[in-house]
């Protein structure tokens, strides 16, 4: 028997002999479920490709993304060694796309580290504490949910000032309420269960119960929501960049690139269209991967 076959049999064992084996077996079964979803794997492939392009942008770029050459402005794709053409300042669109991927992924990662955590804390505290604490926190959540995300982000950026950091903060402030709702719903179904009462009888306090026993059960639902929300985060960031409130010139942010090319869209379509295709590709990849992750992580789904 080969090592790989032995490892596979160990992972697929119906009677795990240790907690570690059970955990690895669960991950492996999840991977098998995800791998069987063709669209999810397509999304994962596109997303991995874009991340690798962002990481190795200095090696893949053919030109300086900030270098201007008015003598080569608005060149069509393929002319003079410019794969995707040049913009109105003669900058290479291909190189700017590669470096712009870094900005988009950077924004997504920062928002993902902030918004779900805030939503998890607010939702679990609200659901577990109940009473007036629940009422106050949920009314605050309702206020944030009452406004369209982009409009609310615009208001925060206008108050904080333009820039990537302020755009990330604004998007995070508008993205946390759905996570709070999900975490509260999960907490309400868990807090009166028998094993929570058993933990209380053992002397565990509210902080330990929430952080050690409720949070882990909320993670899968939040991960599903995060993967499905990433496309919206990218579109919001691109919208802020399009309006000049996100990454500032000469940063090669995709939304700002579309904004620069909108006045040339009829005669020089590639200036705005190619960054738009990049936004479409990464948004679609996140949505496809999110659907696959939902099939893997949602306990209500039948993965058999």
Protein backbone atom coordinates (compact mmCIF):
# COMPACT_ATOMS: atom_id res chain seq x y z
CA UNK A 1 0.00 0.00 0.00
CA UNK A 2 1.38 3.44 -0.97
CA UNK A 3 1.78 6.27 1.52
CA UNK A 4 -0.86 8.38 -0.24
CA UNK A 5 -3.38 5.52 -0.21
CA UNK A 6 -2.70 4.87 3.48
CA UNK A 7 -3.21 8.55 4.28
CA UNK A 8 -6.45 8.58 2.31
CA UNK A 9 -7.74 5.51 4.16
CA UNK A 10 -6.78 7.17 7.46
CA UNK A 11 -8.69 10.32 6.53
CA UNK A 12 -11.76 8.41 5.32
CA UNK A 13 -11.95 6.08 8.30
CA UNK A 14 -15.48 5.82 9.68
CA UNK A 15 -14.16 5.24 13.20
CA UNK A 16 -11.50 7.89 14.00
CA UNK A 17 -9.32 6.98 16.95
CA UNK A 18 -8.39 10.51 18.01
CA UNK A 19 -9.67 14.04 17.95
CA UNK A 20 -6.95 15.06 15.51
CA UNK A 21 -7.93 12.32 13.07
CA UNK A 22 -11.58 13.37 13.26
CA UNK A 23 -10.64 17.00 12.57
CA UNK A 24 -8.45 16.17 9.58
CA UNK A 25 -11.09 13.78 8.26
CA UNK A 26 -13.70 16.55 8.46
CA UNK A 27 -11.43 18.93 6.53
CA UNK A 28 -10.68 16.29 3.91
CA UNK A 29 -14.35 15.45 3.41
CA UNK A 30 -15.05 19.16 3.05
CA UNK A 31 -12.33 19.42 0.41
CA UNK A 32 -13.81 16.45 -1.47
CA UNK A 33 -17.22 18.14 -1.43
CA UNK A 34 -15.72 21.41 -2.67
CA UNK A 35 -13.69 19.63 -5.36
CA UNK A 36 -16.82 17.95 -6.71
CA UNK A 37 -18.34 21.40 -7.36
CA UNK A 38 -17.00 22.42 -10.78
CA UNK A 39 -18.07 26.06 -10.53
CA UNK A 40 -16.55 26.43 -7.06
CA UNK A 41 -13.25 25.03 -8.32
CA UNK A 42 -13.37 27.43 -11.25
CA UNK A 43 -13.82 30.31 -8.79
CA UNK A 44 -10.96 29.00 -6.66
CA UNK A 45 -8.71 28.71 -9.73
CA UNK A 46 -9.48 32.27 -10.91
CA UNK A 47 -9.01 33.65 -7.41
CA UNK A 48 -5.71 31.79 -6.92
CA UNK A 49 -4.52 33.03 -10.32
CA UNK A 50 -5.33 36.66 -9.45
CA UNK A 51 -3.66 36.39 -6.04
CA UNK A 52 -0.51 34.95 -7.62
CA UNK A 53 -0.55 37.74 -10.19
CA UNK A 54 -0.76 40.28 -7.37
CA UNK A 55 2.06 38.65 -5.40
CA UNK A 56 4.40 38.41 -8.39
CA UNK A 57 3.35 41.71 -9.98
CA UNK A 58 6.94 43.11 -9.98
CA UNK A 59 8.11 40.11 -12.03
CA UNK A 60 5.08 39.90 -14.35
CA UNK A 61 4.71 43.60 -15.11
CA UNK A 62 6.26 44.68 -18.41
CA UNK A 63 6.36 48.41 -17.61
CA UNK A 64 6.45 50.75 -14.65
CA UNK A 65 2.76 51.15 -13.68
CA UNK A 66 3.34 54.81 -12.80
CA UNK A 67 5.51 55.81 -15.78
CA UNK A 68 3.82 58.27 -18.15
CA UNK A 69 4.60 58.58 -21.85
CA UNK A 70 2.29 61.00 -23.67
CA UNK A 71 3.82 59.92 -26.96
CA UNK A 72 2.22 56.48 -26.50
CA UNK A 73 -1.10 57.50 -25.02
CA UNK A 74 -4.26 55.52 -25.85
CA UNK A 75 -2.48 52.77 -27.76
CA UNK A 76 -4.67 49.78 -28.65
CA UNK A 77 -4.04 46.38 -27.03
CA UNK A 78 -0.98 44.71 -28.51
CA UNK A 79 0.63 47.85 -29.90
CA UNK A 80 4.25 48.69 -29.05
CA UNK A 81 4.53 45.84 -26.54
CA UNK A 82 1.54 46.90 -24.42
CA UNK A 83 -0.61 43.78 -23.94
CA UNK A 84 -3.76 45.68 -22.91
CA UNK A 85 -2.88 49.03 -24.46
CA UNK A 86 -2.21 52.31 -22.66
CA UNK A 87 -4.36 54.91 -20.92
CA UNK A 88 -4.72 58.65 -21.53
CA UNK A 89 -1.34 59.31 -19.90
CA UNK A 90 0.51 56.57 -21.78
CA UNK A 91 0.69 54.22 -18.79
CA UNK A 92 0.65 50.48 -19.45
CA UNK A 93 -2.78 49.09 -18.51
CA UNK A 94 -1.53 45.51 -18.09
CA UNK A 95 1.08 46.52 -15.50
CA UNK A 96 -1.41 48.75 -13.71
CA UNK A 97 -3.91 45.86 -13.55
CA UNK A 98 -1.34 43.65 -11.84
CA UNK A 99 -0.52 46.25 -9.20
CA UNK A 100 -4.19 47.18 -8.87
CA UNK A 101 -4.93 43.57 -7.88
CA UNK A 102 -2.73 44.15 -4.82
CA UNK A 103 -4.86 47.11 -3.76
CA UNK A 104 -8.17 45.26 -4.22
CA UNK A 105 -7.00 42.17 -2.33
CA UNK A 106 -5.45 44.35 0.39
CA UNK A 107 -8.78 46.14 0.92
CA UNK A 108 -10.70 42.85 1.02
CA UNK A 109 -8.34 41.30 3.57
CA UNK A 110 -8.49 44.32 5.89
CA UNK A 111 -12.28 44.49 5.75
CA UNK A 112 -12.55 40.72 6.34
CA UNK A 113 -10.35 41.04 9.43
CA UNK A 114 -12.50 43.83 10.89
CA UNK A 115 -16.18 43.54 9.89
CA UNK A 116 -16.87 39.86 10.76
CA UNK A 117 -15.09 40.22 14.11
CA UNK A 118 -17.16 43.29 15.05
CA UNK A 119 -20.34 41.55 13.90
CA UNK A 120 -19.47 38.39 15.83
CA UNK A 121 -18.89 40.32 19.07
CA UNK A 122 -22.02 42.44 18.74
CA UNK A 123 -24.24 39.53 17.68
CA UNK A 124 -23.14 37.05 20.33
CA UNK A 125 -23.27 39.61 23.14
CA UNK A 126 -26.72 40.71 22.01
CA UNK A 127 -28.07 37.16 21.69
CA UNK A 128 -26.58 35.84 24.92
CA UNK A 129 -27.28 38.84 27.16
CA UNK A 130 -30.80 39.55 25.92
CA UNK A 131 -32.95 42.22 27.58
CA UNK A 132 -32.15 45.89 27.07
CA UNK A 133 -28.65 45.10 25.79
CA UNK A 134 -30.16 43.07 22.97
CA UNK A 135 -32.66 45.82 22.18
CA UNK A 136 -30.03 48.59 22.05
CA UNK A 137 -27.51 46.65 19.97
CA UNK A 138 -30.10 45.43 17.48
CA UNK A 139 -31.59 48.90 17.04
CA UNK A 140 -28.13 50.24 16.27
CA UNK A 141 -27.72 47.38 13.80
CA UNK A 142 -31.08 48.24 12.22
CA UNK A 143 -29.97 51.85 11.74
CA UNK A 144 -26.90 50.71 9.78
CA UNK A 145 -28.99 48.24 7.75
CA UNK A 146 -31.50 50.95 6.84
CA UNK A 147 -29.00 52.68 4.53
CA UNK A 148 -27.57 51.25 1.28
CA UNK A 149 -23.99 50.15 1.91
CA UNK A 150 -22.39 52.33 -0.77
CA UNK A 151 -24.30 55.44 0.32
CA UNK A 152 -23.29 54.91 3.95
CA UNK A 153 -19.67 54.26 2.92
CA UNK A 154 -19.70 57.49 0.92
CA UNK A 155 -20.91 59.37 3.98
CA UNK A 156 -18.16 57.93 6.19
CA UNK A 157 -15.42 58.57 3.61
CA UNK A 158 -16.67 62.12 3.12
CA UNK A 159 -16.37 62.65 6.88
CA UNK A 160 -13.04 60.84 7.29
CA UNK A 161 -11.34 61.96 4.07
CA UNK A 162 -10.26 60.12 0.92
CA UNK A 163 -7.66 57.34 1.01
CA UNK A 164 -7.34 53.57 1.16
CA UNK A 165 -7.27 53.36 4.97
CA UNK A 166 -10.37 55.51 5.35
CA UNK A 167 -12.10 53.55 2.58
CA UNK A 168 -11.35 50.29 4.44
CA UNK A 169 -12.69 51.78 7.69
CA UNK A 170 -15.81 53.06 5.95
CA UNK A 171 -16.52 49.71 4.26
CA UNK A 172 -15.93 47.87 7.56
CA UNK A 173 -18.36 50.19 9.38
CA UNK A 174 -21.04 49.39 6.81
CA UNK A 175 -20.32 45.66 6.45
CA UNK A 176 -20.62 44.38 10.04
CA UNK A 177 -24.46 44.46 10.61
CA UNK A 178 -25.28 41.29 8.58
CA UNK A 179 -22.64 39.37 10.54
CA UNK A 180 -24.16 40.61 13.79
CA UNK A 181 -27.58 39.38 12.71
CA UNK A 182 -26.22 35.94 11.82
CA UNK A 183 -24.23 35.63 15.06
CA UNK A 184 -27.26 36.69 17.14
CA UNK A 185 -29.50 34.13 15.43
CA UNK A 186 -26.97 31.37 16.02
CA UNK A 187 -26.54 32.43 19.67
CA UNK A 188 -30.29 32.42 20.32
CA UNK A 189 -30.49 28.80 19.15
CA UNK A 190 -27.51 27.76 21.27
CA UNK A 191 -27.80 29.61 24.58
CA UNK A 192 -30.62 27.47 26.01
CA UNK A 193 -29.21 24.12 24.89
CA UNK A 194 -28.45 21.40 27.42
CA UNK A 195 -24.69 21.52 27.06
CA UNK A 196 -24.64 25.28 27.76
CA UNK A 197 -26.57 24.64 30.98
CA UNK A 198 -24.07 21.90 31.84
CA UNK A 199 -21.17 24.29 31.31
CA UNK A 200 -22.86 26.84 33.58
CA UNK A 201 -23.20 24.20 36.31
CA UNK A 202 -19.45 23.59 36.03
CA UNK A 203 -18.88 27.25 36.95
CA UNK A 204 -18.14 28.78 33.54
CA UNK A 205 -18.87 32.49 33.30
CA UNK A 206 -20.56 34.35 30.40
CA UNK A 207 -17.24 35.41 28.84
CA UNK A 208 -15.94 31.84 28.69
CA UNK A 209 -19.24 30.48 27.42
CA UNK A 210 -19.44 33.04 24.62
CA UNK A 211 -15.79 32.87 23.51
CA UNK A 212 -15.13 29.15 23.99
CA UNK A 213 -18.46 27.53 23.20
CA UNK A 214 -20.65 29.91 21.18
CA UNK A 215 -18.11 31.60 18.90
CA UNK A 216 -16.80 28.33 17.42
CA UNK A 217 -20.33 27.33 16.43
CA UNK A 218 -20.91 30.69 14.70
CA UNK A 219 -17.72 30.60 12.64
CA UNK A 220 -19.00 28.39 9.80
CA UNK A 221 -22.01 30.63 9.15
CA UNK A 222 -19.81 33.73 9.19
CA UNK A 223 -17.28 32.16 6.80
CA UNK A 224 -20.07 31.44 4.33
CA UNK A 225 -21.29 35.03 4.57
CA UNK A 226 -17.75 36.40 4.23
CA UNK A 227 -17.03 34.50 1.02
CA UNK A 228 -20.34 35.66 -0.45
CA UNK A 229 -19.77 39.27 0.68
CA UNK A 230 -16.27 39.65 -0.78
CA UNK A 231 -17.64 40.50 -4.20
CA UNK A 232 -19.75 43.27 -2.68
CA UNK A 233 -16.72 44.57 -0.78
CA UNK A 234 -14.71 44.75 -4.00
CA UNK A 235 -17.55 46.53 -5.81
CA UNK A 236 -17.92 49.03 -2.97
CA UNK A 237 -14.17 49.69 -2.95
CA UNK A 238 -14.22 50.09 -6.73
CA UNK A 239 -17.18 52.45 -6.44
CA UNK A 240 -15.30 54.61 -3.95
CA UNK A 241 -12.26 54.57 -6.22
CA UNK A 242 -14.43 55.50 -9.21
CA UNK A 243 -15.71 58.53 -7.32
CA UNK A 244 -12.21 59.54 -6.26
CA UNK A 245 -12.73 58.67 -2.59
CA UNK A 246 -10.65 55.48 -2.42
CA UNK A 247 -7.06 54.99 -3.50
CA UNK A 248 -5.67 58.30 -4.70
CA UNK A 249 -3.81 58.96 -7.97
CA UNK A 250 -1.49 57.71 -9.26
CA UNK A 251 -2.36 54.43 -7.48
CA UNK A 252 -3.56 51.84 -10.03
CA UNK A 253 -6.84 51.05 -8.32
CA UNK A 254 -9.32 49.35 -10.67
CA UNK A 255 -12.27 51.63 -9.90
CA UNK A 256 -10.11 54.72 -10.43
CA UNK A 257 -8.86 53.24 -13.73
CA UNK A 258 -12.46 52.89 -14.92
CA UNK A 259 -13.11 56.48 -13.86
CA UNK A 260 -10.11 57.69 -15.86
CA UNK A 261 -11.25 55.81 -18.95
CA UNK A 262 -14.96 56.61 -18.91
CA UNK A 263 -14.55 59.71 -21.09
CA UNK A 264 -12.80 57.61 -23.76
CA UNK A 265 -15.20 54.66 -23.63
CA UNK A 266 -16.63 55.19 -27.14
CA UNK A 267 -13.35 55.57 -29.07
CA UNK A 268 -10.86 53.79 -26.77
CA UNK A 269 -12.96 51.11 -25.12
CA UNK A 270 -10.08 49.15 -23.58
CA UNK A 271 -9.09 51.89 -21.11
CA UNK A 272 -12.23 51.37 -19.00
CA UNK A 273 -13.38 47.94 -20.18
CA UNK A 274 -10.31 45.91 -19.20
CA UNK A 275 -10.30 47.06 -15.53
CA UNK A 276 -14.06 46.41 -15.53
CA UNK A 277 -13.46 42.84 -16.73
CA UNK A 278 -10.92 42.38 -13.91
CA UNK A 279 -13.49 43.52 -11.31
CA UNK A 280 -16.09 41.22 -12.88
CA UNK A 281 -13.69 38.26 -12.84
CA UNK A 282 -12.69 38.56 -9.17
CA UNK A 283 -16.28 39.24 -8.08
CA UNK A 284 -17.57 36.20 -9.97
CA UNK A 285 -14.75 34.05 -8.57
CA UNK A 286 -15.65 35.01 -4.99
CA UNK A 287 -19.35 34.31 -5.62
CA UNK A 288 -18.66 30.88 -7.14
CA UNK A 289 -16.30 29.97 -4.31
CA UNK A 290 -18.80 31.27 -1.75
CA UNK A 291 -21.53 28.99 -3.11
CA UNK A 292 -19.15 26.04 -2.85
CA UNK A 293 -18.13 26.95 0.69
CA UNK A 294 -21.80 27.13 1.66
CA UNK A 295 -22.28 23.56 0.48
CA UNK A 296 -19.29 22.48 2.58
CA UNK A 297 -19.88 24.42 5.78
CA UNK A 298 -23.64 24.80 6.07
CA UNK A 299 -24.83 22.03 8.43
CA UNK A 300 -28.32 22.33 6.96
CA UNK A 301 -27.08 21.26 3.53
CA UNK A 302 -27.03 17.61 2.59
CA UNK A 303 -23.49 16.96 1.39
CA UNK A 304 -23.94 13.27 0.78
